[in-house]
């Protein structure tokens, strides 16, 4: 996991990171149930690489669905991995499922 990816332990910490960020936030939601583990682990590498590449332009937050249930519900996340791009706390784009680095760049570039 890249050092640039925040990992909140609870909803309050997620909200704190969101409130303190001066850049758009890519919240990617992960799960720990059997069918989610492998795709989420793969996305850890992808999002870590993108977080490093977009340093200074983006804040990446790895959000565990079970640890941050309010954030999960607030943004309508129903599966993992899922992605929500937030600007000033408002969702401007959402996606779900595994993505390549190129797909994540395309997802971001239309909104940054």
Protein backbone atom coordinates (compact mmCIF):
# COMPACT_ATOMS: atom_id res chain seq x y z
CA UNK A 1 0.00 0.00 0.00
CA UNK A 2 1.33 3.41 -0.97
CA UNK A 3 2.06 5.80 1.87
CA UNK A 4 -0.13 8.38 0.14
CA UNK A 5 -3.28 6.28 0.70
CA UNK A 6 -5.12 7.05 3.94
CA UNK A 7 -6.82 4.19 5.78
CA UNK A 8 -9.43 5.45 8.25
CA UNK A 9 -10.34 3.10 11.07
CA UNK A 10 -13.85 4.50 11.53
CA UNK A 11 -16.38 6.93 10.05
CA UNK A 12 -15.21 9.86 12.18
CA UNK A 13 -11.68 9.49 10.83
CA UNK A 14 -13.01 9.21 7.25
CA UNK A 15 -14.96 12.45 7.76
CA UNK A 16 -11.90 14.14 9.27
CA UNK A 17 -9.74 13.23 6.25
CA UNK A 18 -12.48 14.41 3.92
CA UNK A 19 -12.82 17.71 5.76
CA UNK A 20 -9.08 18.37 5.88
CA UNK A 21 -8.36 17.56 2.24
CA UNK A 22 -7.57 20.53 0.03
CA UNK A 23 -7.81 18.30 -3.06
CA UNK A 24 -10.54 16.04 -4.46
CA UNK A 25 -10.79 12.71 -2.64
CA UNK A 26 -10.84 9.29 -4.27
CA UNK A 27 -12.57 7.10 -1.72
CA UNK A 28 -12.27 3.49 -2.71
CA UNK A 29 -14.33 1.07 -0.72
CA UNK A 30 -13.05 -2.41 0.08
CA UNK A 31 -14.56 -5.50 1.62
CA UNK A 32 -13.30 -8.49 3.56
CA UNK A 33 -15.81 -11.13 2.49
CA UNK A 34 -14.38 -13.97 0.35
CA UNK A 35 -15.48 -12.75 -3.11
CA UNK A 36 -14.19 -9.20 -2.43
CA UNK A 37 -10.76 -9.95 -0.99
CA UNK A 38 -8.78 -10.63 -4.19
CA UNK A 39 -10.25 -7.78 -6.31
CA UNK A 40 -9.76 -5.36 -3.42
CA UNK A 41 -6.14 -6.42 -2.89
CA UNK A 42 -5.48 -5.90 -6.60
CA UNK A 43 -7.01 -2.42 -6.37
CA UNK A 44 -4.73 -1.57 -3.44
CA UNK A 45 -1.81 -1.69 -5.88
CA UNK A 46 -3.64 0.24 -8.60
CA UNK A 47 -4.92 2.99 -6.31
CA UNK A 48 -1.54 3.21 -4.58
CA UNK A 49 0.17 3.80 -7.93
CA UNK A 50 -2.43 6.38 -8.95
CA UNK A 51 -2.17 8.14 -5.56
CA UNK A 52 1.58 8.49 -6.08
CA UNK A 53 1.13 9.70 -9.65
CA UNK A 54 -1.54 12.26 -8.72
CA UNK A 55 0.19 13.46 -5.53
CA UNK A 56 -0.78 17.04 -4.78
CA UNK A 57 -3.88 16.80 -7.00
CA UNK A 58 -5.75 14.00 -5.23
CA UNK A 59 -6.22 12.46 -1.80
CA UNK A 60 -6.77 8.67 -1.84
CA UNK A 61 -8.68 7.00 0.98
CA UNK A 62 -8.98 3.21 1.32
CA UNK A 63 -12.30 2.77 3.07
CA UNK A 64 -13.24 -0.56 4.64
CA UNK A 65 -17.00 -1.01 4.29
CA UNK A 66 -17.34 -2.68 7.70
CA UNK A 67 -15.30 -0.01 9.53
CA UNK A 68 -17.00 2.97 7.86
CA UNK A 69 -20.65 1.96 7.47
CA UNK A 70 -21.98 5.55 7.52
CA UNK A 71 -19.69 6.63 4.68
CA UNK A 72 -20.60 3.49 2.77
CA UNK A 73 -24.30 4.23 3.12
CA UNK A 74 -23.94 7.98 2.48
CA UNK A 75 -22.42 7.37 -0.95
CA UNK A 76 -24.66 4.46 -1.89
CA UNK A 77 -21.88 1.88 -2.02
CA UNK A 78 -23.28 -1.63 -2.37
CA UNK A 79 -20.24 -3.68 -3.38
CA UNK A 80 -16.48 -3.81 -3.30
CA UNK A 81 -14.32 -2.59 -4.77
CA UNK A 82 -16.21 0.65 -5.41
CA UNK A 83 -14.97 4.18 -6.04
CA UNK A 84 -16.37 7.59 -5.25
CA UNK A 85 -14.64 10.77 -6.37
CA UNK A 86 -15.52 13.58 -3.99
CA UNK A 87 -15.11 17.32 -4.40
CA UNK A 88 -15.84 19.34 -1.28
CA UNK A 89 -17.63 16.31 0.15
CA UNK A 90 -19.96 15.86 -2.83
CA UNK A 91 -19.80 12.80 -5.08
CA UNK A 92 -18.96 13.81 -8.67
CA UNK A 93 -18.29 10.31 -10.05
CA UNK A 94 -18.82 6.72 -8.95
CA UNK A 95 -17.71 3.34 -10.22
CA UNK A 96 -17.47 -0.27 -9.17
CA UNK A 97 -15.42 -3.34 -9.91
CA UNK A 98 -11.74 -3.91 -10.59
CA UNK A 99 -10.01 -1.31 -12.80
CA UNK A 100 -6.63 -1.01 -14.44
CA UNK A 101 -4.40 1.99 -13.80
CA UNK A 102 -5.44 3.37 -17.21
CA UNK A 103 -9.13 2.99 -16.33
CA UNK A 104 -8.67 4.77 -12.99
CA UNK A 105 -6.81 7.61 -14.75
CA UNK A 106 -9.68 7.96 -17.23
CA UNK A 107 -12.18 7.90 -14.35
CA UNK A 108 -10.27 10.71 -12.61
CA UNK A 109 -9.17 12.86 -15.53
CA UNK A 110 -12.68 13.75 -16.55
CA UNK A 111 -13.30 15.29 -13.14
CA UNK A 112 -10.01 16.73 -11.88
